[in-house]
C-alpha atoms as a PDB file:
ATOM      1  CA  MET A   1     102.370  95.929  81.554  1.00  0.00           C
ATOM      2  CA  ARG A   2     100.502  98.364  83.775  1.00  0.00           C
ATOM      3  CA  CYS A   3      98.560  97.301  86.877  1.00  0.00           C
ATOM      4  CA  THR A   4      94.845  96.787  86.213  1.00  0.00           C
ATOM      5  CA  HIS A   5      93.605  97.985  89.613  1.00  0.00           C
ATOM      6  CA  TRP A   6      91.314 101.028  89.629  1.00  0.00           C
ATOM      7  CA  ARG A   7      90.054 103.119  92.547  1.00  0.00           C
ATOM      8  CA  ARG A   8      87.231 105.629  92.804  1.00  0.00           C
ATOM      9  CA  VAL A   9      88.578 108.878  94.267  1.00  0.00           C
ATOM     10  CA  PRO A  10      86.843 109.772  97.551  1.00  0.00           C
ATOM     11  CA  LEU A  11      84.931 113.054  97.260  1.00  0.00           C
ATOM     12  CA  ASP A  12      87.106 114.980  99.743  1.00  0.00           C
ATOM     13  CA  LEU A  13      90.295 113.957  97.912  1.00  0.00           C
ATOM     14  CA  LEU A  14      88.708 114.753  94.549  1.00  0.00           C
ATOM     15  CA  ARG A  15      87.894 118.259  95.780  1.00  0.00           C
ATOM     16  CA  GLU A  16      91.485 118.659  97.005  1.00  0.00           C
ATOM     17  CA  ALA A  17      92.800 117.671  93.557  1.00  0.00           C
ATOM     18  CA  GLN A  18      90.357 120.079  91.878  1.00  0.00           C
ATOM     19  CA  ARG A  19      91.596 122.958  94.069  1.00  0.00           C
ATOM     20  CA  LYS A  20      95.179 122.256  92.950  1.00  0.00           C
ATOM     21  CA  SER A  21      94.350 121.924  89.247  1.00  0.00           C
ATOM     22  CA  ALA A  22      91.666 122.962  86.806  1.00  0.00           C
ATOM     23  CA  PRO A  23      88.406 121.394  88.084  1.00  0.00           C
ATOM     24  CA  GLU A  24      87.785 119.567  84.799  1.00  0.00           C
ATOM     25  CA  CYS A  25      91.228 117.899  85.008  1.00  0.00           C
ATOM     26  CA  ALA A  26      90.490 115.804  88.097  1.00  0.00           C
ATOM     27  CA  ASP A  27      89.188 112.310  87.395  1.00  0.00           C
ATOM     28  CA  SER A  28      86.687 110.595  89.669  1.00  0.00           C
ATOM     29  CA  ALA A  29      88.524 107.253  89.308  1.00  0.00           C
ATOM     30  CA  VAL A  30      92.199 106.441  88.704  1.00  0.00           C
ATOM     31  CA  GLN A  31      94.153 103.415  87.520  1.00  0.00           C
ATOM     32  CA  CYS A  32      97.296 102.284  89.323  1.00  0.00           C
ATOM     33  CA  GLN A  33     100.275 103.478  87.280  1.00  0.00           C
ATOM     34  CA  LEU A  34     102.750 100.894  88.569  1.00  0.00           C
ATOM     35  CA  ALA A  35     103.731  97.712  86.763  1.00  0.00           C
ATOM     36  CA  THR A  36     101.321  94.778  87.181  1.00  0.00           C
ATOM     37  CA  HIS A  37     101.056  93.643  90.816  1.00  0.00           C
ATOM     38  CA  ASP A  38      98.331  92.402  93.151  1.00  0.00           C
ATOM     39  CA  ASP A  39      99.712  92.955  96.641  1.00  0.00           C
ATOM     40  CA  GLY A  40     100.808  96.130  98.358  1.00  0.00           C
ATOM     41  CA  GLU A  41     100.109  99.735  97.589  1.00  0.00           C
ATOM     42  CA  HIS A  42      98.633 101.112  94.387  1.00  0.00           C
ATOM     43  CA  TYR A  43      99.211 104.635  93.024  1.00  0.00           C
ATOM     44  CA  GLY A  44      96.941 106.553  90.662  1.00  0.00           C
ATOM     45  CA  LEU A  45      97.847 109.999  89.341  1.00  0.00           C
ATOM     46  CA  LEU A  46      95.515 112.758  90.558  1.00  0.00           C
ATOM     47  CA  HIS A  47      97.371 115.858  89.344  1.00  0.00           C
ATOM     48  CA  ASP A  48     100.780 116.462  87.775  1.00  0.00           C
ATOM     49  CA  VAL A  49     102.098 119.759  89.060  1.00  0.00           C
ATOM     50  CA  GLY A  50     104.871 119.547  86.447  1.00  0.00           C
ATOM     51  CA  GLU A  51     106.883 122.711  86.892  1.00  0.00           C
ATOM     52  CA  TYR A  52     107.536 121.999  90.575  1.00  0.00           C
ATOM     53  CA  GLY A  53     108.851 118.438  90.059  1.00  0.00           C
ATOM     54  CA  PHE A  54     106.169 116.588  91.999  1.00  0.00           C
ATOM     55  CA  ALA A  55     102.673 115.238  91.520  1.00  0.00           C
ATOM     56  CA  LEU A  56      99.615 114.519  93.636  1.00  0.00           C
ATOM     57  CA  TRP A  57      98.913 110.766  93.779  1.00  0.00           C
ATOM     58  CA  LEU A  58      96.080 108.671  95.196  1.00  0.00           C
ATOM     59  CA  ARG A  59      97.618 105.854  97.255  1.00  0.00           C
ATOM     60  CA  TRP A  60      95.517 102.873  98.324  1.00  0.00           C
ATOM     61  CA  CYS A  61      95.974  99.446  99.794  1.00  0.00           C
ATOM     62  CA  GLY A  62      92.960  97.181 100.041  1.00  0.00           C
ATOM     63  CA  SER A  63      89.486  98.620 100.146  1.00  0.00           C
ATOM     64  CA  THR A  64      89.718 101.101 103.036  1.00  0.00           C
ATOM     65  CA  ASP A  65      93.230 102.592 103.229  1.00  0.00           C
ATOM     66  CA  VAL A  66      93.234 105.519 100.786  1.00  0.00           C
ATOM     67  CA  GLU A  67      94.959 108.928 100.873  1.00  0.00           C
ATOM     68  CA  SER A  68      96.423 111.589  98.619  1.00  0.00           C
ATOM     69  CA  VAL A  69     100.176 112.113  98.737  1.00  0.00           C
ATOM     70  CA  ALA A  70     102.474 114.627  97.042  1.00  0.00           C
ATOM     71  CA  LEU A  71     105.502 112.750  95.709  1.00  0.00           C
ATOM     72  CA  PRO A  72     108.578 114.011  93.821  1.00  0.00           C
ATOM     73  CA  ASP A  73     108.942 112.941  90.199  1.00  0.00           C
ATOM     74  CA  CYS A  74     111.230 110.021  89.352  1.00  0.00           C
ATOM     75  CA  PRO A  75     114.392 111.505  87.808  1.00  0.00           C
ATOM     76  CA  ALA A  76     115.265 108.405  85.717  1.00  0.00           C
ATOM     77  CA  ILE A  77     115.577 108.808  81.960  1.00  0.00           C
ATOM     78  CA  ALA A  78     115.553 106.028  79.368  1.00  0.00           C
ATOM     79  CA  PRO A  79     118.901 105.277  77.726  1.00  0.00           C
ATOM     80  CA  GLY A  80     119.622 106.709  74.308  1.00  0.00           C
ATOM     81  CA  PRO A  81     119.675 110.183  72.780  1.00  0.00           C
ATOM     82  CA  ASP A  82     115.873 110.559  72.815  1.00  0.00           C
ATOM     83  CA  GLY A  83     115.366 108.990  76.242  1.00  0.00           C
ATOM     84  CA  GLU A  84     112.023 109.797  77.799  1.00  0.00           C
ATOM     85  CA  GLY A  85     111.614 110.423  81.493  1.00  0.00           C
ATOM     86  CA  CYS A  86     109.856 108.054  83.872  1.00  0.00           C
ATOM     87  CA  CYS A  87     106.277 109.202  84.592  1.00  0.00           C
ATOM     88  CA  LEU A  88     106.237 107.820  88.146  1.00  0.00           C
ATOM     89  CA  PHE A  89     107.637 109.066  91.466  1.00  0.00           C
ATOM     90  CA  VAL A  90     110.930 108.716  93.321  1.00  0.00           C
ATOM     91  CA  GLY A  91     111.252 105.304  94.981  1.00  0.00           C
ATOM     92  CA  HIS A  92     108.526 103.522  92.990  1.00  0.00           C
ATOM     93  CA  ILE A  93     108.679  99.736  92.867  1.00  0.00           C
ATOM     94  CA  GLU A  94     109.396  97.650  89.791  1.00  0.00           C
ATOM     95  CA  ARG A  95     109.981  99.180  86.367  1.00  0.00           C
ATOM     96  CA  HIS A  96     110.162 102.671  84.971  1.00  0.00           C
ATOM     97  CA  THR A  97     107.287 103.594  82.649  1.00  0.00           C
ATOM     98  CA  TRP A  98     109.366 103.448  79.457  1.00  0.00           C
ATOM     99  CA  GLU A  99     110.433  99.841  80.241  1.00  0.00           C
ATOM    100  CA  ASP A 100     106.857  98.635  79.850  1.00  0.00           C
ATOM    101  CA  THR A 101     106.581 100.466  76.534  1.00  0.00           C
ATOM    102  CA  LEU A 102     109.769  98.819  75.224  1.00  0.00           C
ATOM    103  CA  GLU A 103     108.524  95.381  76.267  1.00  0.00           C
ATOM    104  CA  GLU A 104     105.185  95.885  74.498  1.00  0.00           C
ATOM    105  CA  ILE A 105     106.907  97.040  71.296  1.00  0.00           C
ATOM    106  CA  SER A 106     109.389  94.146  71.242  1.00  0.00           C
ATOM    107  CA  CYS A 107     106.608  91.580  71.715  1.00  0.00           C
ATOM    108  CA  THR A 108     104.777  92.748  68.608  1.00  0.00           C
ATOM    109  CA  SER A 109     107.826  93.092  66.340  1.00  0.00           C
END
């Protein structure tokens, strides 16, 4: 299950994300993309550069420590012939994004 923490993107960081992507693609608030957790750092996706293998993330901890960071994409791929790639960054904590999807599917079957 994904973390439920959200963060409004500070105006200067929003403008930075808009410069690096189409202006309409930058959100004014982001949800943490990591697995459910309360303590530590949270990461919300600002802009996926895609072709370069990294993305711009909003990192925050608490109510005042917030910054944008460019992080390389996680190279992990789900097992199996149609394995999807992890949508997070190298060195993320906890689970890969497809692991949460598998858990949600198995709970409803």
